[in-house]
N, C-alpha and C. Protein backbone atom coordinates (compact mmCIF):
# COMPACT_ATOMS: atom_id res chain seq x y z
N MET A 1 14.70 40.42 -61.27
CA MET A 1 15.68 40.68 -60.24
C MET A 1 16.67 39.54 -60.18
N PRO A 2 17.89 39.84 -59.80
CA PRO A 2 18.88 38.77 -59.74
C PRO A 2 18.71 37.91 -58.49
N VAL A 3 19.38 36.77 -58.47
CA VAL A 3 19.38 35.85 -57.33
C VAL A 3 20.27 36.44 -56.25
N GLU A 4 19.78 36.43 -55.02
CA GLU A 4 20.55 36.99 -53.89
C GLU A 4 20.85 35.88 -52.88
N MET A 5 21.92 36.09 -52.14
CA MET A 5 22.28 35.18 -51.05
C MET A 5 21.90 35.89 -49.74
N LEU A 6 20.88 35.38 -49.04
CA LEU A 6 20.37 36.01 -47.82
C LEU A 6 20.33 35.00 -46.68
N THR A 7 20.51 35.53 -45.47
CA THR A 7 20.31 34.69 -44.28
C THR A 7 18.81 34.64 -43.98
N TYR A 8 18.44 33.77 -43.05
CA TYR A 8 17.02 33.67 -42.69
C TYR A 8 16.51 35.00 -42.12
N ALA A 9 17.32 35.67 -41.33
CA ALA A 9 16.91 36.95 -40.74
C ALA A 9 16.73 38.01 -41.82
N GLU A 10 17.67 38.08 -42.77
CA GLU A 10 17.55 39.07 -43.84
C GLU A 10 16.33 38.78 -44.71
N LEU A 11 16.08 37.50 -45.02
CA LEU A 11 14.92 37.13 -45.82
C LEU A 11 13.63 37.48 -45.08
N GLY A 12 13.62 37.27 -43.77
CA GLY A 12 12.46 37.62 -42.97
C GLY A 12 12.20 39.11 -42.98
N ASP A 13 13.28 39.91 -42.92
CA ASP A 13 13.12 41.38 -42.97
C ASP A 13 12.55 41.82 -44.32
N ARG A 14 13.01 41.24 -45.40
CA ARG A 14 12.53 41.62 -46.73
C ARG A 14 11.07 41.25 -46.93
N LEU A 15 10.69 40.07 -46.40
CA LEU A 15 9.31 39.61 -46.60
C LEU A 15 8.39 40.03 -45.45
N LYS A 16 8.95 40.70 -44.44
CA LYS A 16 8.21 41.15 -43.25
C LYS A 16 7.60 39.95 -42.50
N ILE A 17 8.44 38.92 -42.26
CA ILE A 17 8.06 37.75 -41.47
C ILE A 17 9.20 37.44 -40.52
N SER A 18 8.97 36.55 -39.60
CA SER A 18 10.00 36.18 -38.62
C SER A 18 11.04 35.28 -39.29
N PRO A 19 12.25 35.19 -38.68
CA PRO A 19 13.28 34.31 -39.24
C PRO A 19 12.83 32.84 -39.27
N GLU A 20 12.05 32.41 -38.28
CA GLU A 20 11.56 31.03 -38.27
C GLU A 20 10.60 30.79 -39.42
N ALA A 21 9.73 31.79 -39.70
CA ALA A 21 8.80 31.65 -40.82
C ALA A 21 9.56 31.65 -42.14
N ALA A 22 10.64 32.45 -42.23
CA ALA A 22 11.46 32.46 -43.44
C ALA A 22 12.11 31.10 -43.65
N ARG A 23 12.57 30.50 -42.59
CA ARG A 23 13.19 29.17 -42.68
C ARG A 23 12.18 28.15 -43.18
N ALA A 24 10.95 28.20 -42.64
CA ALA A 24 9.91 27.28 -43.07
C ALA A 24 9.56 27.51 -44.54
N LEU A 25 9.56 28.77 -44.96
CA LEU A 25 9.26 29.09 -46.36
C LEU A 25 10.33 28.53 -47.29
N VAL A 26 11.59 28.61 -46.88
CA VAL A 26 12.70 28.08 -47.68
C VAL A 26 12.58 26.56 -47.79
N LYS A 27 12.22 25.91 -46.70
CA LYS A 27 12.05 24.46 -46.75
C LYS A 27 10.89 24.08 -47.64
N ARG A 28 9.81 24.86 -47.57
CA ARG A 28 8.63 24.55 -48.36
C ARG A 28 8.90 24.69 -49.86
N HIS A 29 9.65 25.73 -50.22
CA HIS A 29 9.94 25.96 -51.65
C HIS A 29 11.19 25.20 -52.11
N ARG A 30 11.86 24.55 -51.20
CA ARG A 30 13.06 23.76 -51.48
C ARG A 30 14.11 24.61 -52.21
N LEU A 31 14.39 25.75 -51.60
CA LEU A 31 15.40 26.65 -52.18
C LEU A 31 16.79 26.16 -51.79
N PRO A 32 17.79 26.35 -52.60
CA PRO A 32 19.16 25.89 -52.28
C PRO A 32 19.73 26.69 -51.10
N ARG A 33 20.41 25.96 -50.22
CA ARG A 33 21.02 26.56 -49.03
C ARG A 33 22.48 26.19 -48.96
N SER A 34 23.23 27.04 -48.25
CA SER A 34 24.65 26.74 -48.01
C SER A 34 25.08 27.45 -46.74
N ARG A 35 26.23 27.04 -46.21
CA ARG A 35 26.74 27.65 -44.98
C ARG A 35 27.76 28.72 -45.34
N SER A 36 27.70 29.80 -44.57
CA SER A 36 28.69 30.87 -44.76
C SER A 36 29.88 30.60 -43.85
N ASN A 37 30.91 31.43 -43.94
CA ASN A 37 32.10 31.26 -43.12
C ASN A 37 31.81 31.51 -41.64
N ASP A 38 30.83 32.31 -41.35
CA ASP A 38 30.52 32.60 -39.95
C ASP A 38 29.51 31.59 -39.36
N GLY A 39 29.12 30.56 -40.12
CA GLY A 39 28.26 29.49 -39.61
C GLY A 39 26.78 29.70 -39.87
N LYS A 40 26.41 30.84 -40.44
CA LYS A 40 25.00 31.10 -40.72
C LYS A 40 24.63 30.47 -42.05
N THR A 41 23.34 30.16 -42.17
CA THR A 41 22.85 29.54 -43.40
C THR A 41 22.48 30.64 -44.39
N LEU A 42 22.97 30.48 -45.62
CA LEU A 42 22.64 31.43 -46.70
C LEU A 42 21.70 30.74 -47.67
N VAL A 43 20.71 31.50 -48.16
CA VAL A 43 19.71 30.96 -49.06
C VAL A 43 19.82 31.69 -50.39
N GLN A 44 19.83 30.94 -51.48
CA GLN A 44 19.81 31.56 -52.81
C GLN A 44 18.35 31.79 -53.19
N VAL A 45 17.95 33.03 -53.31
CA VAL A 45 16.56 33.32 -53.53
C VAL A 45 16.42 34.45 -54.56
N ASP A 46 15.42 34.30 -55.40
CA ASP A 46 15.02 35.36 -56.31
C ASP A 46 13.67 35.85 -55.78
N LEU A 47 13.66 37.04 -55.23
CA LEU A 47 12.46 37.52 -54.55
C LEU A 47 11.30 37.76 -55.51
N THR A 48 11.57 37.90 -56.78
CA THR A 48 10.47 38.09 -57.73
C THR A 48 9.71 36.80 -57.97
N GLU A 49 10.38 35.68 -57.80
CA GLU A 49 9.71 34.39 -58.01
C GLU A 49 8.86 33.98 -56.81
N ILE A 50 9.20 34.49 -55.66
CA ILE A 50 8.44 34.14 -54.45
C ILE A 50 7.32 35.15 -54.31
N SER A 51 6.12 34.65 -54.38
CA SER A 51 4.97 35.52 -54.18
C SER A 51 4.39 35.21 -52.80
N HIS A 52 4.98 35.90 -51.84
CA HIS A 52 4.55 35.65 -50.46
C HIS A 52 3.95 36.92 -49.91
N SER A 53 2.74 36.78 -49.40
CA SER A 53 2.12 37.90 -48.71
C SER A 53 1.79 37.43 -47.30
N PRO A 54 2.37 38.07 -46.29
CA PRO A 54 2.14 37.62 -44.92
C PRO A 54 0.68 37.81 -44.53
N ASN A 55 0.16 36.82 -43.85
CA ASN A 55 -1.22 36.90 -43.38
C ASN A 55 -1.26 37.79 -42.14
N ALA A 56 -2.21 38.68 -42.13
CA ALA A 56 -2.39 39.52 -40.95
C ALA A 56 -3.10 38.68 -39.89
N ARG A 57 -2.70 38.89 -38.67
CA ARG A 57 -3.33 38.14 -37.58
C ARG A 57 -4.75 38.61 -37.42
N ALA A 58 -5.61 37.66 -37.21
CA ALA A 58 -7.01 38.01 -36.99
C ALA A 58 -7.14 38.58 -35.58
N SER A 59 -7.88 39.65 -35.47
CA SER A 59 -8.07 40.26 -34.15
C SER A 59 -9.05 39.40 -33.37
N GLN A 60 -8.87 39.42 -32.05
CA GLN A 60 -9.74 38.63 -31.22
C GLN A 60 -11.11 39.28 -31.16
N SER A 61 -12.09 38.43 -31.20
CA SER A 61 -13.46 38.94 -31.13
C SER A 61 -13.80 39.23 -29.67
N PRO A 62 -14.72 40.17 -29.42
CA PRO A 62 -15.09 40.47 -28.04
C PRO A 62 -15.75 39.28 -27.36
N GLY A 63 -16.27 38.33 -28.10
CA GLY A 63 -16.88 37.14 -27.50
C GLY A 63 -15.84 36.26 -26.83
N GLY A 64 -14.57 36.36 -27.22
CA GLY A 64 -13.50 35.58 -26.63
C GLY A 64 -13.26 35.95 -25.19
N ASP A 65 -13.48 37.21 -24.84
CA ASP A 65 -13.32 37.65 -23.45
C ASP A 65 -14.33 36.96 -22.55
N HIS A 66 -15.54 36.81 -23.05
CA HIS A 66 -16.58 36.14 -22.28
C HIS A 66 -16.20 34.68 -22.02
N LEU A 67 -15.62 34.05 -23.04
CA LEU A 67 -15.19 32.66 -22.90
C LEU A 67 -14.08 32.54 -21.87
N VAL A 68 -13.14 33.48 -21.90
CA VAL A 68 -12.02 33.44 -20.96
C VAL A 68 -12.53 33.62 -19.53
N THR A 69 -13.44 34.55 -19.32
CA THR A 69 -13.95 34.76 -17.96
C THR A 69 -14.74 33.54 -17.48
N ALA A 70 -15.48 32.90 -18.38
CA ALA A 70 -16.22 31.70 -17.99
C ALA A 70 -15.26 30.58 -17.60
N LEU A 71 -14.18 30.43 -18.36
CA LEU A 71 -13.18 29.41 -18.03
C LEU A 71 -12.48 29.71 -16.71
N LYS A 72 -12.18 30.98 -16.45
CA LYS A 72 -11.55 31.34 -15.18
C LYS A 72 -12.47 31.05 -14.00
N GLU A 73 -13.78 31.31 -14.18
CA GLU A 73 -14.74 31.00 -13.11
C GLU A 73 -14.80 29.49 -12.88
N HIS A 74 -14.78 28.73 -13.95
CA HIS A 74 -14.81 27.27 -13.82
C HIS A 74 -13.54 26.76 -13.11
N ILE A 75 -12.42 27.36 -13.42
CA ILE A 75 -11.17 26.98 -12.75
C ILE A 75 -11.26 27.29 -11.27
N ALA A 76 -11.86 28.43 -10.92
CA ALA A 76 -12.01 28.79 -9.51
C ALA A 76 -12.90 27.79 -8.78
N THR A 77 -13.99 27.37 -9.40
CA THR A 77 -14.86 26.38 -8.74
C THR A 77 -14.16 25.04 -8.61
N LEU A 78 -13.38 24.66 -9.61
CA LEU A 78 -12.64 23.40 -9.51
C LEU A 78 -11.59 23.45 -8.41
N GLN A 79 -10.95 24.61 -8.24
CA GLN A 79 -9.97 24.74 -7.16
C GLN A 79 -10.64 24.68 -5.80
N ALA A 80 -11.85 25.25 -5.67
CA ALA A 80 -12.59 25.16 -4.41
C ALA A 80 -12.96 23.71 -4.12
N ASP A 81 -13.41 22.99 -5.15
CA ASP A 81 -13.73 21.57 -4.98
C ASP A 81 -12.49 20.78 -4.58
N LEU A 82 -11.37 21.14 -5.15
CA LEU A 82 -10.11 20.46 -4.82
C LEU A 82 -9.75 20.67 -3.36
N LEU A 83 -9.93 21.88 -2.85
CA LEU A 83 -9.65 22.14 -1.44
C LEU A 83 -10.56 21.33 -0.52
N GLU A 84 -11.87 21.23 -0.90
CA GLU A 84 -12.79 20.43 -0.10
C GLU A 84 -12.37 18.97 -0.09
N LEU A 85 -11.99 18.45 -1.24
CA LEU A 85 -11.58 17.05 -1.32
C LEU A 85 -10.29 16.79 -0.56
N LYS A 86 -9.39 17.78 -0.54
CA LYS A 86 -8.17 17.63 0.25
C LYS A 86 -8.49 17.56 1.73
N ALA A 87 -9.46 18.36 2.18
CA ALA A 87 -9.87 18.33 3.59
C ALA A 87 -10.46 16.96 3.94
N ILE A 88 -11.30 16.44 3.05
CA ILE A 88 -11.90 15.12 3.29
C ILE A 88 -10.81 14.05 3.31
N ALA A 89 -9.87 14.15 2.37
CA ALA A 89 -8.78 13.17 2.32
C ALA A 89 -7.93 13.24 3.59
N GLY A 90 -7.74 14.46 4.12
CA GLY A 90 -6.98 14.60 5.36
C GLY A 90 -7.67 13.87 6.51
N GLY A 91 -9.01 13.99 6.58
CA GLY A 91 -9.76 13.28 7.62
C GLY A 91 -9.66 11.78 7.44
N ASN A 92 -9.76 11.34 6.20
CA ASN A 92 -9.63 9.90 5.94
C ASN A 92 -8.23 9.40 6.30
N ARG A 93 -7.23 10.22 6.07
CA ARG A 93 -5.86 9.84 6.40
C ARG A 93 -5.71 9.67 7.91
N ALA A 94 -6.35 10.58 8.68
CA ALA A 94 -6.28 10.47 10.14
C ALA A 94 -6.95 9.17 10.60
N ASP A 95 -8.10 8.84 10.00
CA ASP A 95 -8.78 7.58 10.35
C ASP A 95 -7.88 6.39 10.01
N PHE A 96 -7.24 6.45 8.87
CA PHE A 96 -6.36 5.37 8.44
C PHE A 96 -5.21 5.20 9.43
N GLU A 97 -4.60 6.31 9.84
CA GLU A 97 -3.49 6.23 10.79
C GLU A 97 -3.94 5.65 12.12
N ARG A 98 -5.13 6.05 12.59
CA ARG A 98 -5.65 5.54 13.86
C ARG A 98 -5.89 4.04 13.76
N GLU A 99 -6.49 3.59 12.65
CA GLU A 99 -6.74 2.16 12.48
C GLU A 99 -5.45 1.37 12.34
N CYS A 100 -4.44 1.95 11.72
CA CYS A 100 -3.14 1.26 11.63
C CYS A 100 -2.54 1.07 13.02
N GLY A 101 -2.64 2.10 13.84
CA GLY A 101 -2.13 1.98 15.21
C GLY A 101 -2.87 0.91 16.00
N ARG A 102 -4.21 0.91 15.84
CA ARG A 102 -5.01 -0.09 16.53
C ARG A 102 -4.66 -1.50 16.06
N THR A 103 -4.47 -1.66 14.77
CA THR A 103 -4.10 -2.96 14.21
C THR A 103 -2.75 -3.41 14.76
N ASN A 104 -1.80 -2.49 14.84
CA ASN A 104 -0.48 -2.84 15.37
C ASN A 104 -0.58 -3.29 16.83
N LYS A 105 -1.42 -2.62 17.63
CA LYS A 105 -1.59 -3.02 19.03
C LYS A 105 -2.20 -4.41 19.12
N LEU A 106 -3.23 -4.67 18.29
CA LEU A 106 -3.86 -5.98 18.32
C LEU A 106 -2.90 -7.08 17.87
N LEU A 107 -2.07 -6.80 16.88
CA LEU A 107 -1.08 -7.79 16.45
C LEU A 107 -0.07 -8.07 17.56
N ALA A 108 0.33 -7.02 18.28
CA ALA A 108 1.27 -7.23 19.39
C ALA A 108 0.64 -8.10 20.47
N GLU A 109 -0.63 -7.85 20.79
CA GLU A 109 -1.32 -8.66 21.78
C GLU A 109 -1.46 -10.11 21.31
N LEU A 110 -1.77 -10.28 20.03
CA LEU A 110 -1.91 -11.63 19.48
C LEU A 110 -0.58 -12.39 19.54
N LEU A 111 0.49 -11.72 19.20
CA LEU A 111 1.80 -12.37 19.28
C LEU A 111 2.15 -12.75 20.71
N LYS A 112 1.83 -11.84 21.64
CA LYS A 112 2.10 -12.13 23.05
C LYS A 112 1.27 -13.33 23.51
N ALA A 113 0.00 -13.40 23.11
CA ALA A 113 -0.86 -14.53 23.49
C ALA A 113 -0.34 -15.83 22.87
N ASN A 114 0.14 -15.76 21.64
CA ASN A 114 0.70 -16.97 21.00
C ASN A 114 1.94 -17.45 21.74
N ILE A 115 2.76 -16.51 22.16
CA ILE A 115 3.97 -16.89 22.92
C ILE A 115 3.57 -17.53 24.25
N GLU A 116 2.60 -16.93 24.94
CA GLU A 116 2.15 -17.50 26.21
C GLU A 116 1.54 -18.89 26.01
N THR A 117 0.78 -19.07 24.93
CA THR A 117 0.19 -20.38 24.64
C THR A 117 1.27 -21.42 24.38
N ALA A 118 2.26 -21.05 23.59
CA ALA A 118 3.35 -21.98 23.30
C ALA A 118 4.11 -22.34 24.58
N THR A 119 4.33 -21.34 25.43
CA THR A 119 5.02 -21.59 26.70
C THR A 119 4.20 -22.54 27.57
N ALA A 120 2.88 -22.33 27.64
CA ALA A 120 2.02 -23.18 28.46
C ALA A 120 2.01 -24.61 27.92
N ARG A 121 2.00 -24.76 26.60
CA ARG A 121 2.02 -26.10 26.01
C ARG A 121 3.33 -26.82 26.31
N GLU A 122 4.43 -26.07 26.24
CA GLU A 122 5.72 -26.67 26.56
C GLU A 122 5.76 -27.12 28.02
N LYS A 123 5.23 -26.28 28.91
CA LYS A 123 5.22 -26.61 30.33
C LYS A 123 4.34 -27.83 30.59
N ALA A 124 3.17 -27.91 29.91
CA ALA A 124 2.27 -29.06 30.09
C ALA A 124 2.95 -30.34 29.60
N ALA A 125 3.63 -30.25 28.46
CA ALA A 125 4.32 -31.43 27.94
C ALA A 125 5.43 -31.86 28.89
N ARG A 126 6.16 -30.89 29.45
CA ARG A 126 7.22 -31.21 30.40
C ARG A 126 6.65 -31.86 31.65
N LEU A 127 5.52 -31.35 32.16
CA LEU A 127 4.91 -31.93 33.36
C LEU A 127 4.34 -33.32 33.08
N GLU A 128 3.77 -33.51 31.89
CA GLU A 128 3.27 -34.85 31.54
C GLU A 128 4.43 -35.85 31.47
N GLY A 129 5.55 -35.41 30.92
CA GLY A 129 6.71 -36.30 30.87
C GLY A 129 7.22 -36.63 32.26
N ALA A 130 7.24 -35.63 33.15
CA ALA A 130 7.68 -35.88 34.52
C ALA A 130 6.71 -36.78 35.24
N LEU A 131 5.41 -36.62 34.99
CA LEU A 131 4.41 -37.44 35.64
C LEU A 131 4.49 -38.90 35.18
N SER A 132 4.83 -39.10 33.92
CA SER A 132 4.92 -40.47 33.43
C SER A 132 6.11 -41.22 34.03
N THR A 133 7.11 -40.49 34.47
CA THR A 133 8.27 -41.16 35.06
C THR A 133 8.11 -41.42 36.55
N VAL A 134 7.15 -40.79 37.18
CA VAL A 134 6.93 -41.01 38.62
C VAL A 134 6.34 -42.41 38.81
N ARG A 135 6.88 -43.13 39.80
CA ARG A 135 6.40 -44.49 40.05
C ARG A 135 5.14 -44.42 40.90
N PRO A 136 4.19 -45.31 40.64
CA PRO A 136 2.98 -45.34 41.46
C PRO A 136 3.32 -45.89 42.86
N PRO A 137 2.45 -45.67 43.82
CA PRO A 137 2.73 -46.20 45.17
C PRO A 137 2.81 -47.73 45.18
N TRP A 138 3.39 -48.29 46.25
CA TRP A 138 3.67 -49.72 46.30
C TRP A 138 2.42 -50.56 46.21
N TRP A 139 1.31 -50.10 46.83
CA TRP A 139 0.10 -50.91 46.82
C TRP A 139 -0.57 -50.91 45.44
N ARG A 140 -0.37 -49.81 44.62
CA ARG A 140 -0.91 -49.81 43.26
C ARG A 140 -0.11 -50.79 42.39
N ARG A 141 1.18 -50.77 42.58
CA ARG A 141 2.00 -51.70 41.80
C ARG A 141 1.64 -53.13 42.16
N LEU A 142 1.39 -53.37 43.42
CA LEU A 142 1.06 -54.71 43.87
C LEU A 142 -0.27 -55.17 43.27
N THR A 143 -1.27 -54.32 43.27
CA THR A 143 -2.59 -54.72 42.75
C THR A 143 -2.61 -54.73 41.23
N ALA A 144 -1.73 -53.99 40.61
CA ALA A 144 -1.73 -53.95 39.15
C ALA A 144 -1.29 -55.28 38.56
N PHE A 145 -0.39 -55.96 39.24
CA PHE A 145 0.10 -57.22 38.70
C PHE A 145 -0.82 -58.38 39.03
N THR A 146 -1.49 -58.31 40.13
CA THR A 146 -2.29 -59.46 40.58
C THR A 146 -3.71 -59.41 40.06
N GLN A 147 -4.16 -58.28 39.61
CA GLN A 147 -5.52 -58.12 39.12
C GLN A 147 -6.54 -58.47 40.20
N ILE A 148 -6.18 -58.22 41.44
CA ILE A 148 -7.06 -58.51 42.57
C ILE A 148 -7.66 -57.17 43.00
N PRO A 149 -8.97 -57.12 43.27
CA PRO A 149 -9.55 -55.86 43.73
C PRO A 149 -8.92 -55.42 45.05
N LEU A 150 -8.86 -54.13 45.25
CA LEU A 150 -8.20 -53.56 46.41
C LEU A 150 -8.89 -53.95 47.71
N GLU A 151 -10.20 -54.07 47.71
CA GLU A 151 -10.94 -54.43 48.94
C GLU A 151 -10.57 -55.84 49.40
N THR A 152 -10.32 -56.70 48.44
CA THR A 152 -9.94 -58.07 48.80
C THR A 152 -8.58 -58.06 49.48
N VAL A 153 -7.67 -57.25 49.01
CA VAL A 153 -6.35 -57.17 49.63
C VAL A 153 -6.49 -56.61 51.02
N TRP A 154 -7.33 -55.63 51.21
CA TRP A 154 -7.52 -55.05 52.55
C TRP A 154 -8.09 -56.07 53.53
N ARG A 155 -9.06 -56.82 53.04
CA ARG A 155 -9.71 -57.78 53.95
C ARG A 155 -8.72 -58.86 54.39
N ARG A 156 -7.81 -59.20 53.53
CA ARG A 156 -6.84 -60.23 53.89
C ARG A 156 -5.76 -59.70 54.80
N THR A 157 -5.39 -58.42 54.63
CA THR A 157 -4.27 -57.90 55.39
C THR A 157 -4.69 -57.23 56.68
N LEU A 158 -5.91 -56.70 56.76
CA LEU A 158 -6.35 -55.99 57.97
C LEU A 158 -6.95 -56.99 58.97
N PRO A 159 -6.81 -56.66 60.25
CA PRO A 159 -7.43 -57.53 61.26
C PRO A 159 -8.96 -57.47 61.17
N SER A 160 -9.65 -58.50 61.60
CA SER A 160 -11.10 -58.58 61.50
C SER A 160 -11.79 -57.56 62.38
N SER A 161 -11.19 -57.16 63.49
CA SER A 161 -11.82 -56.18 64.37
C SER A 161 -11.97 -54.82 63.66
N VAL A 162 -11.02 -54.47 62.81
CA VAL A 162 -11.10 -53.20 62.07
C VAL A 162 -12.20 -53.29 61.02
N LEU A 163 -12.30 -54.46 60.40
CA LEU A 163 -13.32 -54.61 59.38
C LEU A 163 -14.71 -54.56 59.98
N GLU A 164 -14.90 -55.14 61.20
CA GLU A 164 -16.22 -55.13 61.85
C GLU A 164 -16.60 -53.72 62.25
N VAL A 165 -15.67 -52.95 62.72
CA VAL A 165 -15.95 -51.56 63.10
C VAL A 165 -16.36 -50.77 61.85
N GLY A 166 -15.67 -51.02 60.77
CA GLY A 166 -16.02 -50.32 59.53
C GLY A 166 -17.41 -50.70 59.06
N ALA A 167 -17.81 -51.98 59.20
CA ALA A 167 -19.14 -52.41 58.77
C ALA A 167 -20.20 -51.83 59.68
N ALA A 168 -19.94 -51.74 60.99
CA ALA A 168 -20.90 -51.17 61.93
C ALA A 168 -21.12 -49.70 61.62
N SER A 169 -20.08 -49.00 61.29
CA SER A 169 -20.23 -47.57 61.00
C SER A 169 -21.05 -47.37 59.72
N LYS A 170 -20.98 -48.32 58.79
CA LYS A 170 -21.79 -48.23 57.59
C LYS A 170 -23.26 -48.44 57.92
N GLU A 171 -23.54 -49.32 58.89
CA GLU A 171 -24.93 -49.57 59.27
C GLU A 171 -25.49 -48.37 59.98
N ASP A 172 -24.68 -47.67 60.77
CA ASP A 172 -25.15 -46.49 61.48
C ASP A 172 -25.53 -45.39 60.50
N ARG A 173 -24.85 -45.31 59.43
CA ARG A 173 -25.09 -44.26 58.45
C ARG A 173 -26.26 -44.58 57.54
N ALA A 174 -26.67 -45.82 57.48
CA ALA A 174 -27.73 -46.20 56.55
C ALA A 174 -29.05 -45.58 57.01
N PRO A 175 -29.84 -45.05 56.09
CA PRO A 175 -31.14 -44.46 56.47
C PRO A 175 -32.15 -45.55 56.83
N VAL A 176 -33.01 -45.24 57.78
CA VAL A 176 -33.98 -46.22 58.27
C VAL A 176 -35.32 -45.99 57.66
């Protein structure tokens, strides 16, 4: 037979195969190709040299149906398990949200306590500074420089009648 110029579709019709299979066959046999004016690929082929017999599809065995039903049942059980796990995850999510809210409340309380502590420390420092600037009473200043005990100063400055009354009252209080 002479060499013919055929498109993939025409070659597929002659060999009773699909155009894609014809294209693969042309690539496998490395047949010369060229483009036509309409953009389709033309193949130079001598059909007598190509000994191609299309393989018939093997029919499915009845055992395949059993396999498909078993797989569908397994898919159904997996989907049921997935629904159960989603329900559990939803409960865990609710617990997580509740704990996040609780944590946020505790952090707010902690920040408030820190602010109150800092405020109290500032106030204590301010009061200590004010206290250090206050002058002691005149009699403390007087005794601080002289290093004389306070009772000695009293005895010298107070009249003796007051001191005797104070001593008598101490004797009255003493247990017998």
